[in-house]
Amino acid sequence: MKQFILLIFSLLLFSCSSKKDIVYYQDIETRDFASIETINSHPKIQINDILNISTAALNPESVLPYTFNTGNNSSVQPRQVELLKLTGYLVNSDGEINFPQLGKIEVKGKTTQEIQSLLEEKLSLYIKNPTVNVRIINYKFTVQGEVRQPGTYEIIEENMTLPQALGLAGDLTINGRRDNIMIYRQEGNQREVKRIDLTQSDWMNSDYFFIKPNDIIYIEPNDPRIKSAGFVGNVGTLLSVVSIIFSAVVLLAR
């Protein structure tokens, strides 16, 4: 009987997680943070991005020949996104969009601000004081692994932090490893993988504080979760199995 009690105690002991494995940002009070301007950068346009481009001027009629979309969509609402995708400017395999009257314009590798300045410069040859607004309308990222709501998310904001992205996915489950978050990112023709430790805060001063379009965020399961994927599902099930075996041993001993 003593060995059985010792076994149960050992199982309960090893199934517990310590504070250092669970709590986020444990060193945040001693961390010196860089300014947002030094780590924030606007995403660069990639092939297959869809852009919403609206053009305005003092004389509204003067911009009509250079307008593919109808109406002023400078303020994009979530319910309008699917419609705007159908009328937006798709970045083709050459990294170009086909703009009315101006023809093909290379946008790959440029930010939305750079595209706005480029179009305003080109349009100013034909329109007095044009104003251009450019938005990415298929900005998406994927969260996989041990979160409450894994999936691919589309947003209309141009900037989103890693904690906000995880928040959209319902945050990590208790079975997710906080110290080994993987971020897969494609920059141009280069692919890179970064490991983030959410229990610390040093990554908040890096380029990975803000996510970028098409990022894949993977939450690795912790050891108890991996072990529970086997024949014995969890500690409760294991205790039940041990209890049955112990009862059988007692009955046979009698």
Protein backbone atom coordinates (compact mmCIF):
# COMPACT_ATOMS: atom_id res chain seq x y z
CA MET A 1 0.00 0.00 0.00
CA LYS A 2 2.85 2.39 0.79
CA GLN A 3 4.36 1.82 -2.65
CA PHE A 4 0.98 2.58 -4.26
CA ILE A 5 0.60 5.85 -2.34
CA LEU A 6 4.17 6.79 -3.25
CA LEU A 7 3.41 6.11 -6.92
CA ILE A 8 0.34 8.38 -6.86
CA PHE A 9 2.30 11.13 -5.12
CA SER A 10 5.09 10.90 -7.70
CA LEU A 11 2.63 11.12 -10.59
CA LEU A 12 0.98 14.21 -9.13
CA LEU A 13 4.35 15.80 -8.44
CA PHE A 14 5.72 15.34 -11.94
CA SER A 15 2.48 16.48 -13.56
CA CYS A 16 2.73 19.92 -11.98
CA SER A 17 4.17 22.91 -13.87
CA SER A 18 6.31 25.52 -12.18
CA LYS A 19 5.73 29.27 -12.34
CA LYS A 20 8.77 29.80 -14.58
CA ASP A 21 7.17 27.58 -17.25
CA ILE A 22 3.83 29.40 -17.31
CA VAL A 23 4.15 33.12 -16.50
CA TYR A 24 4.81 35.53 -19.38
CA TYR A 25 7.39 38.35 -19.38
CA GLN A 26 9.03 37.41 -16.10
CA ASP A 27 11.88 39.91 -16.48
CA ILE A 28 9.81 42.77 -17.89
CA GLU A 29 10.28 45.06 -14.87
CA THR A 30 14.06 45.08 -15.38
CA ARG A 31 14.00 45.37 -19.17
CA ASP A 32 14.99 48.57 -20.98
CA PHE A 33 12.82 48.93 -24.05
CA ALA A 34 13.79 50.44 -27.38
CA SER A 35 11.51 53.03 -28.94
CA ILE A 36 8.73 51.71 -31.16
CA GLU A 37 10.12 53.64 -34.14
CA THR A 38 13.35 51.63 -34.10
CA ILE A 39 11.66 48.22 -34.26
CA ASN A 40 8.49 48.98 -36.23
CA SER A 41 8.55 48.78 -40.00
CA HIS A 42 5.75 48.80 -42.51
CA PRO A 43 5.33 45.47 -44.31
CA LYS A 44 6.76 45.21 -47.82
CA ILE A 45 4.49 44.18 -50.65
CA GLN A 46 4.79 40.59 -51.80
CA ILE A 47 3.56 38.65 -54.83
CA ASN A 48 -0.17 37.79 -54.57
CA ASP A 49 -0.86 40.66 -52.20
CA ILE A 50 -4.10 42.50 -52.97
CA LEU A 51 -4.02 46.28 -52.66
CA ASN A 52 -6.88 48.68 -52.20
CA ILE A 53 -5.89 51.99 -53.80
CA SER A 54 -8.09 55.07 -53.57
CA THR A 55 -7.31 58.36 -55.29
CA ALA A 56 -8.67 61.80 -54.47
CA ALA A 57 -8.17 65.40 -55.59
CA LEU A 58 -9.79 68.82 -55.23
CA ASN A 59 -11.59 68.14 -58.50
CA PRO A 60 -13.19 64.67 -58.04
CA GLU A 61 -13.86 64.31 -61.77
CA SER A 62 -10.17 64.57 -62.58
CA VAL A 63 -9.38 61.25 -60.84
CA LEU A 64 -12.08 59.19 -62.55
CA PRO A 65 -9.86 57.99 -65.43
CA TYR A 66 -7.33 56.75 -62.85
CA THR A 67 -9.80 54.97 -60.63
CA PHE A 68 -10.43 51.26 -60.93
CA ASN A 69 -12.44 50.90 -57.71
CA THR A 70 -15.68 52.84 -57.29
CA GLY A 71 -16.14 55.07 -54.29
CA ASN A 72 -13.68 56.17 -51.65
CA ASN A 73 -12.46 53.13 -49.70
CA SER A 74 -9.86 54.88 -47.60
CA SER A 75 -11.66 53.61 -44.52
CA VAL A 76 -11.95 49.84 -44.87
CA GLN A 77 -14.55 48.05 -42.80
CA PRO A 78 -14.16 44.30 -42.06
CA ARG A 79 -17.39 43.36 -43.85
CA GLN A 80 -16.16 45.15 -47.00
CA VAL A 81 -12.89 43.24 -47.28
CA GLU A 82 -14.22 40.31 -49.31
CA LEU A 83 -15.80 42.68 -51.82
CA LEU A 84 -12.67 44.80 -52.03
CA LYS A 85 -10.59 41.71 -52.81
CA LEU A 86 -12.57 41.30 -56.02
CA THR A 87 -11.93 44.87 -57.10
CA GLY A 88 -8.45 45.31 -55.64
CA TYR A 89 -5.09 45.38 -57.39
CA LEU A 90 -3.47 41.93 -57.39
CA VAL A 91 0.34 41.91 -57.36
CA ASN A 92 1.27 39.56 -60.20
CA SER A 93 4.17 37.11 -60.42
CA ASP A 94 6.41 39.91 -61.71
CA GLY A 95 5.65 42.03 -58.63
CA GLU A 96 3.54 44.51 -60.60
CA ILE A 97 0.04 45.95 -60.57
CA ASN A 98 -1.83 47.25 -63.60
CA PHE A 99 -2.96 50.77 -62.74
CA PRO A 100 -5.53 52.60 -64.92
CA GLN A 101 -3.90 54.85 -67.54
CA LEU A 102 -0.47 54.50 -65.92
CA GLY A 103 -0.01 50.87 -66.91
CA LYS A 104 2.18 48.37 -65.07
CA ILE A 105 3.83 49.63 -61.91
CA GLU A 106 6.35 47.61 -59.92
CA VAL A 107 5.34 47.45 -56.26
CA LYS A 108 7.03 44.29 -54.91
CA GLY A 109 9.40 45.10 -52.07
CA LYS A 110 7.89 48.54 -51.49
CA THR A 111 5.84 49.63 -48.48
CA THR A 112 2.35 51.07 -48.84
CA GLN A 113 3.76 54.53 -48.02
CA GLU A 114 6.33 54.21 -50.80
CA ILE A 115 3.65 53.16 -53.28
CA GLN A 116 1.49 56.11 -52.24
CA SER A 117 4.36 58.54 -52.89
CA LEU A 118 5.18 56.87 -56.22
CA LEU A 119 1.58 57.06 -57.47
CA GLU A 120 1.12 60.63 -56.29
CA GLU A 121 4.27 61.60 -58.18
CA LYS A 122 3.08 59.92 -61.38
CA LEU A 123 -0.48 61.23 -61.09
CA SER A 124 0.67 64.80 -60.39
CA LEU A 125 1.64 65.01 -64.08
CA TYR A 126 -2.05 64.78 -64.94
CA ILE A 127 -3.94 65.73 -61.74
CA LYS A 128 -3.49 68.75 -59.51
CA ASN A 129 -2.53 67.81 -55.94
CA PRO A 130 -3.60 64.13 -56.00
CA THR A 131 -3.87 62.17 -52.78
CA VAL A 132 -3.43 58.39 -52.81
CA ASN A 133 -4.21 55.90 -50.07
CA VAL A 134 -2.91 52.31 -50.26
CA ARG A 135 -3.93 49.43 -48.03
CA ILE A 136 -3.13 45.72 -48.01
CA ILE A 137 -6.49 43.96 -47.85
CA ASN A 138 -5.36 40.34 -47.65
CA TYR A 139 -2.95 40.74 -44.73
CA LYS A 140 -3.04 37.33 -43.10
CA PHE A 141 -1.08 35.22 -40.64
CA THR A 142 -1.43 31.68 -39.32
CA VAL A 143 -1.33 30.40 -35.75
CA GLN A 144 -0.86 26.67 -35.23
CA GLY A 145 -0.34 24.32 -32.30
CA GLU A 146 -1.36 24.76 -28.70
CA VAL A 147 -3.70 27.75 -28.86
CA ARG A 148 -7.42 27.77 -28.20
CA GLN A 149 -8.41 28.81 -31.73
CA PRO A 150 -5.74 27.83 -34.29
CA GLY A 151 -6.25 29.01 -37.84
CA THR A 152 -5.44 31.64 -40.45
CA TYR A 153 -6.48 35.18 -39.56
CA GLU A 154 -6.97 38.17 -41.85
CA ILE A 155 -6.74 41.70 -40.50
CA ILE A 156 -7.13 45.18 -41.95
CA GLU A 157 -4.52 46.78 -39.67
CA GLU A 158 -1.04 47.23 -41.07
CA ASN A 159 0.67 46.64 -37.74
CA MET A 160 -0.02 43.94 -35.18
CA THR A 161 2.15 42.74 -32.31
CA LEU A 162 2.86 39.09 -31.52
CA PRO A 163 0.83 39.23 -28.25
CA GLN A 164 -2.13 40.67 -30.18
CA ALA A 165 -1.88 37.89 -32.78
CA LEU A 166 -1.84 35.23 -30.06
CA GLY A 167 -4.75 37.00 -28.40
CA LEU A 168 -6.82 36.68 -31.58
CA ALA A 169 -6.14 32.93 -31.47
CA GLY A 170 -7.44 32.74 -27.89
CA ASP A 171 -3.97 32.68 -26.28
CA LEU A 172 -1.90 29.61 -25.50
CA THR A 173 -3.48 26.64 -23.81
CA ILE A 174 -1.96 25.39 -20.56
CA ASN A 175 -0.28 22.70 -22.68
CA GLY A 176 1.65 25.13 -24.89
CA ARG A 177 5.34 25.80 -24.39
CA ARG A 178 5.84 29.47 -23.59
CA ASP A 179 9.61 29.30 -24.01
CA ASN A 180 9.81 28.04 -27.60
CA ILE A 181 7.39 29.90 -29.89
CA MET A 182 8.39 29.42 -33.52
CA ILE A 183 7.83 32.17 -36.09
CA TYR A 184 8.32 31.28 -39.75
CA ARG A 185 8.75 34.35 -41.95
CA GLN A 186 9.42 35.02 -45.62
CA GLU A 187 11.25 38.20 -46.57
CA GLY A 188 11.46 38.47 -50.34
CA ASN A 189 13.11 35.27 -51.51
CA GLN A 190 14.56 34.53 -48.08
CA ARG A 191 12.94 32.33 -45.43
CA GLU A 192 13.83 32.46 -41.78
CA VAL A 193 12.75 30.89 -38.51
CA LYS A 194 12.92 32.61 -35.12
CA ARG A 195 12.37 31.09 -31.68
CA ILE A 196 10.70 33.32 -29.09
CA ASP A 197 10.67 32.82 -25.31
CA LEU A 198 7.48 34.43 -24.01
CA THR A 199 8.57 33.95 -20.40
CA GLN A 200 11.21 36.62 -21.11
CA SER A 201 10.88 40.03 -22.78
CA ASP A 202 14.11 40.52 -24.75
CA TRP A 203 12.30 39.72 -28.02
CA MET A 204 10.20 42.86 -27.56
CA ASN A 205 13.20 44.85 -28.79
CA SER A 206 13.50 42.77 -31.96
CA ASP A 207 11.88 42.74 -35.40
CA TYR A 208 9.59 39.99 -34.14
CA PHE A 209 7.63 42.16 -31.74
CA PHE A 210 5.47 43.04 -34.75
CA ILE A 211 4.27 40.22 -36.98
CA LYS A 212 4.34 40.52 -40.76
CA PRO A 213 2.03 39.30 -43.52
CA ASN A 214 2.08 35.53 -44.06
CA ASP A 215 3.90 34.82 -40.78
CA ILE A 216 3.32 31.34 -39.39
CA ILE A 217 3.31 31.16 -35.59
CA TYR A 218 3.64 27.68 -34.12
CA ILE A 219 3.11 26.83 -30.45
CA GLU A 220 4.92 23.64 -29.49
CA PRO A 221 3.18 21.29 -27.02
CA ASN A 222 4.87 20.77 -23.67
CA ASP A 223 6.08 17.40 -22.39
CA PRO A 224 2.86 16.44 -20.51
CA ARG A 225 0.86 17.16 -23.67
CA ILE A 226 3.17 15.03 -25.81
CA LYS A 227 3.04 12.17 -23.32
CA SER A 228 -0.74 12.40 -23.13
CA ALA A 229 -0.94 11.72 -26.87
CA GLY A 230 0.01 8.08 -26.23
CA PHE A 231 -2.15 5.17 -25.12
CA VAL A 232 -2.62 6.63 -21.64
CA GLY A 233 -4.39 9.92 -22.20
CA ASN A 234 -3.68 11.89 -19.02
CA VAL A 235 -2.82 11.63 -15.35
CA GLY A 236 -6.42 10.85 -14.38
CA THR A 237 -6.57 8.00 -16.86
CA LEU A 238 -3.20 6.74 -15.69
CA LEU A 239 -4.35 6.74 -12.09
CA SER A 240 -7.48 4.81 -13.08
CA VAL A 241 -5.39 2.20 -14.85
CA VAL A 242 -3.03 1.89 -11.88
CA SER A 243 -6.01 1.64 -9.52
CA ILE A 244 -7.54 -1.20 -11.57
CA ILE A 245 -4.24 -3.06 -11.66
CA PHE A 246 -3.76 -2.59 -7.93
CA SER A 247 -7.27 -3.83 -7.20
CA ALA A 248 -6.69 -6.89 -9.37
CA VAL A 249 -3.42 -7.62 -7.57
CA VAL A 250 -5.17 -7.37 -4.17
CA LEU A 251 -7.98 -9.69 -5.25
CA LEU A 252 -5.54 -12.25 -6.63
CA ALA A 253 -3.45 -12.05 -3.45
CA ARG A 254 -6.50 -12.94 -1.38
